[in-house]
């Protein structure tokens, strides 16, 4: 199984592929949202929803 860092690297590479594609901006936005941003948020949702530790603000 891939580590979080490997999955994150894959998602960033996928984002670059989408951005450099010949698709329309509208299609790129949809692809980025569906294939990169949602999976990236899922990957780090534990950090997004965890309470902040004292002294890290």
Protein backbone atom coordinates (compact mmCIF):
# COMPACT_ATOMS: atom_id res chain seq x y z
CA UNK A 1 0.00 0.00 0.00
CA UNK A 2 1.26 3.48 -0.84
CA UNK A 3 2.18 5.94 1.89
CA UNK A 4 0.40 9.28 2.30
CA UNK A 5 3.41 11.02 0.79
CA UNK A 6 3.36 8.75 -2.28
CA UNK A 7 -0.37 9.32 -2.74
CA UNK A 8 0.10 13.06 -2.36
CA UNK A 9 2.88 13.02 -4.96
CA UNK A 10 0.63 11.10 -7.35
CA UNK A 11 -2.18 13.65 -6.88
CA UNK A 12 0.16 16.58 -7.53
CA UNK A 13 1.48 14.91 -10.68
CA UNK A 14 -2.10 14.29 -11.78
CA UNK A 15 -2.87 17.98 -11.20
CA UNK A 16 0.05 18.98 -13.43
CA UNK A 17 -1.13 16.59 -16.15
CA UNK A 18 -4.61 18.07 -16.02
CA UNK A 19 -3.37 21.67 -16.05
CA UNK A 20 -1.10 21.00 -19.03
CA UNK A 21 -3.82 19.15 -20.97
CA UNK A 22 -5.62 20.57 -23.99
CA UNK A 23 -8.99 20.43 -22.20
CA UNK A 24 -11.07 23.56 -21.73
CA UNK A 25 -10.65 25.52 -18.50
CA UNK A 26 -14.11 24.37 -17.42
CA UNK A 27 -13.14 20.70 -17.92
CA UNK A 28 -9.81 21.25 -16.16
CA UNK A 29 -11.56 22.77 -13.15
CA UNK A 30 -13.95 19.83 -12.92
CA UNK A 31 -11.17 17.27 -13.32
CA UNK A 32 -8.98 19.00 -10.73
CA UNK A 33 -11.83 19.08 -8.26
CA UNK A 34 -12.87 15.46 -8.80
CA UNK A 35 -9.49 13.82 -9.30
CA UNK A 36 -7.16 15.92 -7.16
CA UNK A 37 -8.73 18.22 -4.55
CA UNK A 38 -11.36 15.83 -3.19
CA UNK A 39 -8.92 12.91 -2.88
CA UNK A 40 -6.30 15.22 -1.34
CA UNK A 41 -8.83 16.48 1.22
CA UNK A 42 -9.82 12.88 2.01
CA UNK A 43 -6.15 11.99 2.45
CA UNK A 44 -5.68 14.71 5.05
CA UNK A 45 -9.17 14.99 6.56
CA UNK A 46 -7.87 13.71 9.89
CA UNK A 47 -5.61 16.77 10.11
CA UNK A 48 -8.34 19.11 8.94
CA UNK A 49 -10.83 17.98 11.57
CA UNK A 50 -8.45 17.32 14.49
CA UNK A 51 -8.40 19.94 17.22
CA UNK A 52 -5.29 22.09 17.20
CA UNK A 53 -2.67 21.21 19.75
CA UNK A 54 -1.90 23.88 22.31
CA UNK A 55 0.92 26.20 21.22
CA UNK A 56 0.60 25.45 17.47
CA UNK A 57 -1.54 28.43 16.55
